[in-house]
Amino acid sequence: MSARDPDAIPDELAALRRSPVRAWIERVEGPARYLLVRTAILRLLGLVYFVAFASAIQQAPALVGERGLMPARAWLDFVAHAKGSRLAGFARLPSIFWIDASDGAITFACALGAALAVAVMAGVTNAGVMLALWILQLSLHAIGQTFWGYGWEIQLLETGLLAALLCPMKTWRPFASPPPLASIWLMRWLIVRVMLGAGLIKLRGDVCWRDLTCLVFHYETQPNPSPLSWWFHQMPRGAHMAGAVFNYLVELGAPLLLFSPWRPRDARRLAGGLFVLFQAVLIASGNLSFLNWLTVVPALACFDDATLERLVPARWRPKMAPDATASRAHLRVARAYAFVVALLSVPPVVNLLSSEQQMNASFEPLHLVNTYGAFGSVSRVRHEIVLEGTRDASVTDATRWEPYELPCKPGDPARRPCLVSPWHYRLDWQMWFAAMSSYEDEPWIAMLADKMLRGDRAIAPLFARDPFDGSPPRFVRAELYRYELTRRGEPGYWKRARVGEYMRPMSKDDPELDAFLRERGMK
């Protein structure tokens, strides 16, 4: 079937037959269709949504619940007071939790999100379902504060709304009607900005990216190393430098292929293959939460059904024809939203071109079009905070301290790094950031210590090991250690050396701890 045959051209292209842009669109798209691409995008995005909400069921009450480290209700009250009213606060932080921020409401919303995500993974293709997931994620992000302050949270919001645009509203069937081309192009625009943002922040950031040595340190000092991080760290210096070059090739070179005037479909597929391969390497080499899984989602829009059909058994292919064409309303909504994205893309593009480029920033409350970036700087050494408690009546040189273990952080040097991606342990991540500053700058650590001293069971889900089985210690302290991955032939996975005291020993009735928390409105 020829690309000149009108039957081979998607219905939306046929509708543009008299348009002056038709020749360009037909040349770029050819006879491409995107039903399978949409299915792949939605099922992978469904997995990401499931992880986001299922992990929040476990952790959100302990982090932002009524007895959490940073209660959502107190945060919303603060925002309402700062903005002058609850309505003004809602305009700044849109969230369903303005109605009810109790533990029950938060847990129910997360459970609903996880259930809808499972439906999407099972094949439900409906704009209403995707919008509901987006609203739940937006609401959770609004109350999450420090613990939901990661770039992939706003990336999930932007991706999720674009995914809603791929779907029809009046049906749930995967092959009911094809997605509008505008929605596919918007996904491609997202992956271009994600990649360029990550590449440019490295080029402008740490000098080790420019001399190609950042990967010499990265696998050891990244937030949450995986079992394979140890193996990556053992590679010779030349391999690390080659990896940095490959990083630039994918993040700065591959996005340009999407604008190639020569063999545009082949160039687009090559770019998509590089994006997916790169994210697979990152998934293997570190536990970067669901960031890399999420980044694959818009990268899939670089392919078309002709590419993905090769992965589908031949007997299933006849069932994958669309039942109908996309409705006029669907096409109009997609084009209107593309216009909105074009307008909102001005600040992110200006940011990309700026020598003062920001990483992972939003420019409006709904996070519709954002700017992204990762690892603009790389730590040369790894410092870890180790929380310890004792039941001794007083602290002396002979006091025996027992360590608390987090689910997926270096603690016991003999413990193998865990494999957890795409799961997200939020306290584990935030402890990595906290080790770079002081507890005065991270007051939630003092609140955590206070709850440990009082035996508050609300925080129990945050720990993998409590040496006191839920009963409170008499004193809690935080020690700072330098951790290094072992080399071949050395025992264990880590070796560590004490750096010093991060937070002095404190007791339940310590007046300084009480004053510290009260000064910061945490009591």
Protein backbone atom coordinates (compact mmCIF):
# COMPACT_ATOMS: atom_id res chain seq x y z
CA MET A 1 0.00 0.00 0.00
CA SER A 2 1.54 3.33 -1.06
CA ALA A 3 1.92 6.32 1.19
CA ARG A 4 0.18 8.25 -1.63
CA ASP A 5 -2.87 6.04 -1.33
CA PRO A 6 -5.52 8.03 0.61
CA ASP A 7 -6.59 4.84 2.38
CA ALA A 8 -3.09 4.54 3.84
CA ILE A 9 -3.18 8.02 5.32
CA PRO A 10 -4.61 8.45 8.82
CA ASP A 11 -8.06 10.01 8.82
CA GLU A 12 -6.76 13.15 10.47
CA LEU A 13 -4.23 13.62 7.65
CA ALA A 14 -6.93 13.02 5.07
CA ALA A 15 -8.94 15.80 6.69
CA LEU A 16 -5.97 18.09 6.08
CA ARG A 17 -5.85 17.24 2.35
CA ARG A 18 -6.46 20.85 1.31
CA SER A 19 -4.28 22.37 4.01
CA PRO A 20 -0.92 23.93 3.03
CA VAL A 21 0.73 22.03 5.89
CA ARG A 22 -0.61 18.66 4.69
CA ALA A 23 2.41 17.89 2.50
CA TRP A 24 4.80 18.48 5.37
CA ILE A 25 2.72 16.43 7.84
CA GLU A 26 2.31 13.58 5.37
CA ARG A 27 6.05 13.54 4.72
CA VAL A 28 6.88 13.47 8.42
CA GLU A 29 4.17 11.00 9.47
CA GLY A 30 3.67 8.96 6.29
CA PRO A 31 1.08 6.22 6.88
CA ALA A 32 1.89 5.99 10.59
CA ARG A 33 -0.78 5.04 13.11
CA TYR A 34 -0.55 5.18 16.91
CA LEU A 35 -3.07 2.79 18.46
CA LEU A 36 -0.40 0.39 19.72
CA VAL A 37 1.79 3.30 20.75
CA ARG A 38 -1.05 4.71 22.84
CA THR A 39 -1.62 1.31 24.43
CA ALA A 40 2.06 1.02 25.36
CA ILE A 41 2.14 4.58 26.71
CA LEU A 42 -0.95 4.10 28.87
CA ARG A 43 0.07 0.75 30.33
CA LEU A 44 3.52 1.95 31.30
CA LEU A 45 2.06 5.18 32.69
CA GLY A 46 -0.48 3.07 34.59
CA LEU A 47 2.43 1.22 36.23
CA VAL A 48 4.05 4.52 37.22
CA TYR A 49 0.78 5.82 38.66
CA PHE A 50 0.31 2.57 40.58
CA VAL A 51 3.77 2.85 42.13
CA ALA A 52 3.20 6.52 43.00
CA PHE A 53 -0.09 5.85 44.79
CA ALA A 54 0.69 2.43 46.27
CA SER A 55 3.92 3.72 47.84
CA ALA A 56 1.97 6.71 49.15
CA ILE A 57 -0.57 4.42 50.87
CA GLN A 58 2.35 3.04 52.86
CA GLN A 59 4.20 6.29 53.55
CA ALA A 60 1.92 9.35 53.22
CA PRO A 61 0.26 9.09 56.67
CA ALA A 62 3.69 8.88 58.33
CA LEU A 63 5.05 11.80 56.31
CA VAL A 64 2.14 14.23 55.87
CA GLY A 65 -0.73 12.65 57.82
CA GLU A 66 -2.32 13.93 61.00
CA ARG A 67 0.59 12.60 63.10
CA GLY A 68 3.13 12.77 60.31
CA LEU A 69 6.45 14.60 60.16
CA MET A 70 4.95 17.50 58.18
CA PRO A 71 1.15 17.33 58.59
CA ALA A 72 -0.82 18.34 55.50
CA ARG A 73 -3.55 20.08 57.47
CA ALA A 74 -1.07 22.43 59.16
CA TRP A 75 0.57 23.11 55.78
CA LEU A 76 -2.73 24.04 54.12
CA ASP A 77 -3.64 26.27 57.07
CA PHE A 78 -0.28 28.01 56.71
CA VAL A 79 -0.81 28.55 52.96
CA ALA A 80 -4.35 29.87 53.53
CA HIS A 81 -3.06 32.32 56.15
CA ALA A 82 -0.19 33.45 53.92
CA LYS A 83 -2.50 33.99 50.93
CA GLY A 84 -5.29 35.62 52.91
CA SER A 85 -8.01 33.00 52.46
CA ARG A 86 -8.59 29.33 51.76
CA LEU A 87 -9.81 30.19 48.27
CA ALA A 88 -6.58 32.03 47.50
CA GLY A 89 -4.68 29.13 49.00
CA PHE A 90 -6.53 26.72 46.73
CA ALA A 91 -5.64 28.85 43.70
CA ARG A 92 -1.98 28.55 44.67
CA LEU A 93 -2.11 24.86 45.65
CA PRO A 94 -5.05 23.13 43.91
CA SER A 95 -5.94 20.01 45.90
CA ILE A 96 -8.98 17.99 46.92
CA PHE A 97 -7.41 17.81 50.38
CA TRP A 98 -8.58 21.32 51.18
CA ILE A 99 -11.89 19.56 51.88
CA ASP A 100 -10.40 16.93 54.18
CA ALA A 101 -6.71 16.26 54.90
CA SER A 102 -7.26 13.45 57.43
CA ASP A 103 -5.35 10.18 57.28
CA GLY A 104 -8.50 8.45 56.07
CA ALA A 105 -8.99 10.90 53.21
CA ILE A 106 -5.35 10.68 52.13
CA THR A 107 -5.32 6.89 52.27
CA PHE A 108 -8.64 6.62 50.39
CA ALA A 109 -7.40 8.95 47.64
CA CYS A 110 -4.18 6.95 47.26
CA ALA A 111 -6.09 3.65 47.19
CA LEU A 112 -8.46 5.05 44.55
CA GLY A 113 -5.48 6.19 42.50
CA ALA A 114 -3.86 2.75 42.75
CA ALA A 115 -7.12 1.05 41.69
CA LEU A 116 -7.56 3.35 38.68
CA ALA A 117 -3.93 2.75 37.74
CA VAL A 118 -4.52 -1.00 37.74
CA ALA A 119 -7.50 -0.44 35.42
CA VAL A 120 -5.30 1.53 33.04
CA MET A 121 -2.68 -1.24 33.07
CA ALA A 122 -5.48 -3.69 32.25
CA GLY A 123 -6.36 -1.71 29.12
CA VAL A 124 -8.92 0.91 30.15
CA THR A 125 -8.50 3.79 27.70
CA ASN A 126 -10.60 6.74 28.78
CA ALA A 127 -9.88 10.43 29.18
CA GLY A 128 -12.04 10.65 32.31
CA VAL A 129 -10.01 7.97 34.10
CA MET A 130 -6.75 9.69 33.16
CA LEU A 131 -8.08 13.05 34.35
CA ALA A 132 -9.08 11.49 37.68
CA LEU A 133 -5.54 10.13 38.12
CA TRP A 134 -4.12 13.56 37.28
CA ILE A 135 -6.35 15.28 39.86
CA LEU A 136 -5.32 12.80 42.56
CA GLN A 137 -1.62 13.25 41.76
CA LEU A 138 -1.99 17.04 41.70
CA SER A 139 -3.75 16.93 45.08
CA LEU A 140 -1.10 14.71 46.66
CA HIS A 141 1.75 16.82 45.27
CA ALA A 142 0.14 19.95 46.77
CA ILE A 143 0.28 18.58 50.32
CA GLY A 144 3.51 16.58 49.98
CA GLN A 145 5.87 19.49 50.67
CA THR A 146 9.50 18.34 51.00
CA PHE A 147 8.64 14.68 50.50
CA TRP A 148 6.90 15.26 47.15
CA GLY A 149 9.31 17.95 45.97
CA TYR A 150 11.06 15.88 43.30
CA GLY A 151 11.18 16.65 39.59
CA TRP A 152 9.43 13.45 38.59
CA GLU A 153 6.31 14.48 40.53
CA ILE A 154 5.66 17.44 38.22
CA GLN A 155 6.84 15.36 35.25
CA LEU A 156 4.13 12.82 36.13
CA LEU A 157 1.57 15.64 36.20
CA GLU A 158 2.54 16.94 32.77
CA THR A 159 2.75 13.45 31.29
CA GLY A 160 -0.54 12.38 32.85
CA LEU A 161 -2.51 15.25 31.35
CA LEU A 162 -1.00 14.65 27.92
CA ALA A 163 -1.98 10.99 28.26
CA ALA A 164 -5.58 12.04 28.93
CA LEU A 165 -5.45 13.85 25.60
CA LEU A 166 -4.59 10.58 23.85
CA CYS A 167 -7.85 8.95 24.97
CA PRO A 168 -11.50 9.21 23.92
CA MET A 169 -14.00 10.31 26.57
CA LYS A 170 -17.06 8.18 25.75
CA THR A 171 -15.51 4.73 25.74
CA TRP A 172 -12.87 2.71 27.56
CA ARG A 173 -11.84 0.27 24.79
CA PRO A 174 -8.12 0.36 23.80
CA PHE A 175 -8.82 0.40 20.04
CA ALA A 176 -11.98 2.49 19.98
CA SER A 177 -10.52 5.37 17.97
CA PRO A 178 -7.01 6.61 17.14
CA PRO A 179 -5.33 9.33 19.20
CA PRO A 180 -5.07 12.81 17.66
CA LEU A 181 -1.71 13.51 16.05
CA ALA A 182 -1.46 16.68 18.13
CA SER A 183 -1.33 14.58 21.31
CA ILE A 184 1.49 12.45 19.89
CA TRP A 185 3.47 15.55 18.96
CA LEU A 186 2.97 16.99 22.45
CA MET A 187 4.46 13.82 23.94
CA ARG A 188 7.46 14.25 21.64
CA TRP A 189 7.81 17.87 22.71
CA LEU A 190 7.88 16.70 26.32
CA ILE A 191 10.69 14.17 25.75
CA VAL A 192 12.68 16.82 23.86
CA ARG A 193 12.47 19.21 26.83
CA VAL A 194 13.25 16.48 29.37
CA MET A 195 16.35 15.37 27.49
CA LEU A 196 17.64 18.84 26.58
CA GLY A 197 17.04 20.07 30.13
CA ALA A 198 19.05 17.19 31.58
CA GLY A 199 21.87 17.60 29.05
CA LEU A 200 22.20 21.37 29.27
CA ILE A 201 22.17 21.45 33.08
CA LYS A 202 25.13 19.07 33.01
CA LEU A 203 26.96 21.05 30.35
CA ARG A 204 26.52 24.26 32.37
CA GLY A 205 26.91 22.66 35.78
CA ASP A 206 29.60 20.57 37.40
CA VAL A 207 33.04 20.74 35.80
CA CYS A 208 33.27 16.94 36.01
CA TRP A 209 30.67 16.70 33.23
CA ARG A 210 32.86 18.82 30.99
CA ASP A 211 35.98 16.77 31.70
CA LEU A 212 33.90 13.56 31.45
CA THR A 213 34.73 12.26 34.96
CA CYS A 214 31.37 12.57 36.75
CA LEU A 215 30.56 8.88 36.38
CA VAL A 216 33.73 8.02 38.27
CA PHE A 217 31.85 9.22 41.38
CA HIS A 218 28.18 9.01 40.40
CA TYR A 219 27.46 5.30 40.94
CA GLU A 220 28.81 5.52 44.48
CA THR A 221 27.32 8.88 45.49
CA GLN A 222 23.90 8.78 43.77
CA PRO A 223 20.87 8.88 46.11
CA ASN A 224 20.04 5.19 46.24
CA PRO A 225 22.51 2.76 44.62
CA SER A 226 21.30 -0.61 43.31
CA PRO A 227 23.13 -3.96 43.38
CA LEU A 228 24.45 -3.25 39.89
CA SER A 229 25.78 0.15 40.98
CA TRP A 230 28.65 -1.73 42.65
CA TRP A 231 29.54 -3.35 39.31
CA PHE A 232 29.24 -0.10 37.36
CA HIS A 233 31.52 1.58 39.91
CA GLN A 234 34.25 -1.01 39.25
CA MET A 235 34.55 -0.09 35.55
CA PRO A 236 37.78 1.56 34.39
CA ARG A 237 38.04 5.32 34.10
CA GLY A 238 37.91 5.16 30.30
CA ALA A 239 34.55 3.37 30.43
CA HIS A 240 33.18 6.07 32.73
CA MET A 241 34.33 8.77 30.31
CA ALA A 242 32.71 6.91 27.41
CA GLY A 243 29.51 6.75 29.45
CA ALA A 244 29.56 10.53 29.88
CA VAL A 245 29.96 10.96 26.11
CA PHE A 246 27.00 8.60 25.54
CA ASN A 247 25.03 10.69 28.04
CA TYR A 248 25.63 13.82 25.95
CA LEU A 249 24.86 11.95 22.72
CA VAL A 250 21.43 10.92 24.00
CA GLU A 251 20.44 14.02 25.96
CA LEU A 252 21.72 16.67 23.55
CA GLY A 253 22.02 14.87 20.20
CA ALA A 254 19.06 12.49 19.99
CA PRO A 255 16.39 15.23 20.52
CA LEU A 256 17.61 16.94 17.35
CA LEU A 257 16.74 13.79 15.38
CA LEU A 258 13.07 14.53 16.00
CA PHE A 259 13.46 17.62 13.81
CA SER A 260 15.47 15.90 11.07
CA PRO A 261 14.41 16.83 7.50
CA TRP A 262 16.10 13.66 6.17
CA ARG A 263 14.24 10.39 6.56
CA PRO A 264 12.23 11.86 9.45
CA ARG A 265 10.47 8.63 10.47
CA ASP A 266 13.73 6.67 10.64
CA ALA A 267 15.41 9.51 12.54
CA ARG A 268 12.51 9.63 14.99
CA ARG A 269 12.67 5.89 15.59
CA LEU A 270 16.42 6.07 16.15
CA ALA A 271 15.91 8.85 18.69
CA GLY A 272 13.23 6.81 20.47
CA GLY A 273 15.50 3.77 20.59
CA LEU A 274 18.32 5.81 22.11
CA PHE A 275 16.00 7.35 24.69
CA VAL A 276 14.65 3.96 25.80
CA LEU A 277 18.10 2.33 25.86
CA PHE A 278 19.50 5.18 27.93
CA GLN A 279 16.68 4.96 30.47
CA ALA A 280 17.15 1.18 30.71
CA VAL A 281 20.83 1.71 31.60
CA LEU A 282 19.84 4.24 34.26
CA ILE A 283 17.25 1.84 35.71
CA ALA A 284 19.90 -0.88 35.95
CA SER A 285 22.59 1.33 37.46
CA GLY A 286 20.57 3.02 40.21
CA ASN A 287 17.26 3.23 42.09
CA LEU A 288 16.05 6.58 40.76
CA SER A 289 12.48 5.97 41.87
CA PHE A 290 10.05 5.92 38.91
CA LEU A 291 11.84 8.76 37.10
CA ASN A 292 13.36 6.67 34.32
CA TRP A 293 10.24 4.53 33.86
CA LEU A 294 8.23 7.73 33.52
CA THR A 295 10.71 9.20 31.02
CA VAL A 296 10.23 6.18 28.75
CA VAL A 297 6.52 7.09 28.44
CA PRO A 298 6.88 10.12 26.11
CA ALA A 299 9.84 8.44 24.39
CA LEU A 300 7.41 5.79 23.11
CA ALA A 301 5.69 8.50 21.04
CA CYS A 302 8.80 8.53 18.82
CA PHE A 303 7.69 5.14 17.45
CA ASP A 304 4.60 4.19 15.47
CA ASP A 305 2.47 1.08 15.20
CA ALA A 306 4.54 -0.34 12.36
CA THR A 307 7.49 -0.53 14.75
CA LEU A 308 5.60 -2.00 17.69
CA GLU A 309 3.58 -4.51 15.63
CA ARG A 310 6.70 -6.62 15.31
CA LEU A 311 6.40 -7.33 19.04
CA VAL A 312 2.76 -8.49 18.72
CA PRO A 313 1.78 -12.04 17.63
CA ALA A 314 0.38 -12.03 14.07
CA ARG A 315 -2.94 -13.58 15.15
CA TRP A 316 -3.67 -10.60 17.42
CA ARG A 317 -3.01 -7.87 14.85
CA PRO A 318 -6.41 -7.98 13.06
CA LYS A 319 -8.10 -7.14 16.40
CA MET A 320 -6.11 -3.93 16.68
CA ALA A 321 -7.88 -1.95 13.98
CA PRO A 322 -9.73 1.15 15.26
CA ASP A 323 -13.50 0.89 15.65
CA ALA A 324 -14.02 4.48 14.49
CA THR A 325 -12.22 7.70 13.66
CA ALA A 326 -11.41 10.26 16.35
CA SER A 327 -14.34 12.57 16.98
CA ARG A 328 -14.25 16.18 15.84
CA ALA A 329 -14.51 17.28 19.46
CA HIS A 330 -11.49 15.15 20.40
CA LEU A 331 -9.43 16.63 17.56
CA ARG A 332 -10.42 20.17 18.46
CA VAL A 333 -9.58 19.71 22.13
CA ALA A 334 -6.17 18.27 21.21
CA ARG A 335 -5.37 21.17 18.88
CA ALA A 336 -6.59 23.75 21.41
CA TYR A 337 -4.43 22.20 24.11
CA ALA A 338 -1.46 22.16 21.74
CA PHE A 339 -1.95 25.93 21.37
CA VAL A 340 -2.02 26.31 25.18
CA VAL A 341 1.18 24.24 25.49
CA ALA A 342 2.85 26.41 22.85
CA LEU A 343 2.11 29.52 24.89
CA LEU A 344 3.14 27.95 28.19
CA SER A 345 6.36 26.62 26.64
CA VAL A 346 7.85 30.11 26.40
CA PRO A 347 9.19 30.25 30.01
CA PRO A 348 10.63 26.68 29.90
CA VAL A 349 12.35 27.38 26.57
CA VAL A 350 13.74 30.68 27.90
CA ASN A 351 14.97 28.73 30.92
CA LEU A 352 16.66 26.16 28.67
CA LEU A 353 18.49 28.93 26.84
CA SER A 354 19.47 30.77 30.02
CA SER A 355 22.92 30.58 31.57
CA GLU A 356 21.04 30.55 34.91
CA GLN A 357 19.03 27.46 33.97
CA GLN A 358 16.79 26.06 36.71
CA MET A 359 16.30 22.35 37.26
CA ASN A 360 12.81 20.84 37.72
CA ALA A 361 10.72 24.00 38.01
CA SER A 362 7.08 24.88 37.38
CA PHE A 363 5.75 28.20 36.16
CA GLU A 364 2.05 27.89 37.07
CA PRO A 365 0.01 26.03 39.74
CA LEU A 366 -1.23 23.21 37.51
CA HIS A 367 2.28 22.23 36.33
CA LEU A 368 1.11 21.94 32.71
CA VAL A 369 4.48 22.71 31.06
CA ASN A 370 7.61 22.48 33.20
CA THR A 371 11.37 22.53 32.94
CA TYR A 372 13.44 19.50 33.86
CA GLY A 373 16.99 18.41 34.59
CA ALA A 374 18.97 15.93 36.65
CA PHE A 375 22.41 15.69 38.29
CA GLY A 376 23.66 19.12 37.29
CA SER A 377 26.24 18.51 40.00
CA VAL A 378 27.67 15.24 41.26
CA SER A 379 28.93 14.65 44.80
CA ARG A 380 32.51 13.42 45.12
CA VAL A 381 31.93 11.71 48.49
CA ARG A 382 28.93 9.97 50.02
CA HIS A 383 27.82 11.05 53.48
CA GLU A 384 25.07 9.16 55.27
CA ILE A 385 23.07 9.98 58.39
CA VAL A 386 22.67 7.01 60.73
CA LEU A 387 19.93 7.32 63.37
CA GLU A 388 20.71 5.55 66.64
CA GLY A 389 18.95 5.06 69.96
CA THR A 390 19.77 3.77 73.42
CA ARG A 391 17.84 2.74 76.53
CA ASP A 392 20.66 3.66 78.85
CA ALA A 393 19.63 6.05 81.63
CA SER A 394 22.43 8.48 80.74
CA VAL A 395 24.85 9.06 77.88
CA THR A 396 28.47 8.17 78.59
CA ASP A 397 31.44 6.92 76.59
CA ALA A 398 30.25 3.39 77.41
CA THR A 399 26.71 3.90 76.08
CA ARG A 400 25.62 1.23 73.64
CA TRP A 401 23.89 2.73 70.65
CA GLU A 402 21.58 0.69 68.39
CA PRO A 403 21.06 1.77 64.75
CA TYR A 404 17.70 2.14 63.01
CA GLU A 405 17.66 0.84 59.43
CA LEU A 406 15.80 2.47 56.57
CA PRO A 407 14.39 0.21 53.84
CA CYS A 408 16.86 1.01 51.07
CA LYS A 409 19.69 3.15 52.40
CA PRO A 410 23.30 2.20 53.16
CA GLY A 411 23.36 1.39 56.87
CA ASP A 412 24.99 -1.89 57.77
CA PRO A 413 28.08 -1.92 55.50
CA ALA A 414 27.66 -5.66 54.92
CA ARG A 415 24.12 -5.24 53.56
CA ARG A 416 23.85 -5.49 49.78
CA PRO A 417 22.35 -2.43 48.05
CA CYS A 418 18.70 -3.11 47.35
CA LEU A 419 16.84 -3.31 44.03
CA VAL A 420 13.71 -1.21 44.43
CA SER A 421 13.07 0.84 41.26
CA PRO A 422 10.42 1.99 40.38
CA TRP A 423 9.30 1.98 44.04
CA HIS A 424 9.94 5.20 45.91
CA TYR A 425 11.02 5.33 49.56
CA ARG A 426 10.64 9.03 50.22
CA LEU A 427 12.33 9.27 53.61
CA ASP A 428 15.33 7.36 52.22
CA TRP A 429 15.68 9.93 49.46
CA GLN A 430 15.27 12.91 51.73
CA MET A 431 17.93 11.58 54.11
CA TRP A 432 20.37 11.72 51.17
CA PHE A 433 19.67 15.44 50.73
CA ALA A 434 19.76 16.07 54.49
CA ALA A 435 23.29 14.63 54.76
CA MET A 436 24.48 17.55 52.61
CA SER A 437 23.24 20.14 55.11
CA SER A 438 22.35 20.24 58.84
CA TYR A 439 19.29 19.25 60.81
CA GLU A 440 18.64 22.97 61.42
CA ASP A 441 17.98 23.20 57.66
CA GLU A 442 15.96 19.96 57.70
CA PRO A 443 13.79 20.37 60.83
CA TRP A 444 11.69 17.32 59.98
CA ILE A 445 14.65 15.23 61.23
CA ALA A 446 14.20 16.74 64.69
CA MET A 447 10.49 15.96 64.47
CA LEU A 448 11.39 12.38 63.50
CA ALA A 449 13.67 12.13 66.55
CA ASP A 450 10.90 13.50 68.77
CA LYS A 451 8.46 10.87 67.52
CA MET A 452 11.03 8.13 67.99
CA LEU A 453 11.57 9.26 71.59
CA ARG A 454 7.81 9.19 72.22
CA GLY A 455 7.28 5.79 70.62
CA ASP A 456 4.85 7.21 68.05
CA ARG A 457 3.75 4.24 65.93
CA ALA A 458 2.67 6.55 63.09
CA ILE A 459 6.27 6.60 61.82
CA ALA A 460 6.82 2.83 62.03
CA PRO A 461 6.25 2.24 58.26
CA LEU A 462 9.27 4.42 57.49
CA PHE A 463 11.77 1.99 59.05
CA ALA A 464 12.97 -1.43 57.94
CA ARG A 465 14.41 -2.19 61.38
CA ASP A 466 13.52 -0.74 64.76
CA PRO A 467 16.04 -2.10 67.30
CA PHE A 468 13.55 -1.49 70.12
CA ASP A 469 10.52 -3.14 68.51
CA GLY A 470 8.35 -0.06 68.76
CA SER A 471 9.09 0.90 72.35
CA PRO A 472 10.77 4.30 72.74
CA PRO A 473 14.50 4.70 73.43
CA ARG A 474 15.65 7.10 76.14
CA PHE A 475 18.01 8.97 73.84
CA VAL A 476 18.27 9.39 70.07
CA ARG A 477 21.18 10.77 68.12
CA ALA A 478 22.27 11.07 64.48
CA GLU A 479 25.82 10.26 63.38
CA LEU A 480 27.39 11.23 60.05
CA TYR A 481 29.48 8.66 58.17
CA ARG A 482 31.36 8.63 54.91
CA TYR A 483 30.45 5.54 52.86
CA GLU A 484 32.48 4.11 50.00
CA LEU A 485 31.73 1.13 47.79
CA THR A 486 34.22 -1.66 48.28
CA ARG A 487 36.59 -2.74 45.52
CA ARG A 488 36.96 -6.20 44.07
CA GLY A 489 38.45 -8.56 46.65
CA GLU A 490 37.29 -6.48 49.64
CA PRO A 491 34.58 -7.93 51.92
CA GLY A 492 31.03 -6.59 51.88
CA TYR A 493 29.57 -3.86 49.71
CA TRP A 494 30.38 -0.75 51.71
CA LYS A 495 33.11 0.51 53.99
CA ARG A 496 32.53 3.51 56.19
CA ALA A 497 34.31 5.96 58.47
CA ARG A 498 32.72 8.23 61.06
CA VAL A 499 32.80 11.91 60.08
CA GLY A 500 31.24 13.37 63.21
CA GLU A 501 28.05 14.21 65.02
CA TYR A 502 25.06 15.28 62.91
CA MET A 503 22.60 15.71 65.79
CA ARG A 504 23.62 15.41 69.44
CA PRO A 505 21.92 12.90 71.78
CA MET A 506 18.44 14.12 72.73
CA SER A 507 15.83 12.85 75.16
CA LYS A 508 12.05 13.16 75.18
CA ASP A 509 12.10 16.05 77.65
CA ASP A 510 15.06 17.88 76.10
CA PRO A 511 14.16 21.61 76.34
CA GLU A 512 16.27 22.53 73.31
CA LEU A 513 14.49 19.96 71.13
CA ASP A 514 11.11 21.22 72.31
CA ALA A 515 12.08 24.86 71.68
CA PHE A 516 13.52 24.02 68.26
CA LEU A 517 10.27 22.40 67.12
CA ARG A 518 8.07 25.12 68.58
CA GLU A 519 10.07 27.89 66.90
CA ARG A 520 9.38 26.21 63.56
CA GLY A 521 5.70 25.66 64.20
CA MET A 522 6.08 21.89 64.35
CA LYS A 523 4.55 21.48 67.82
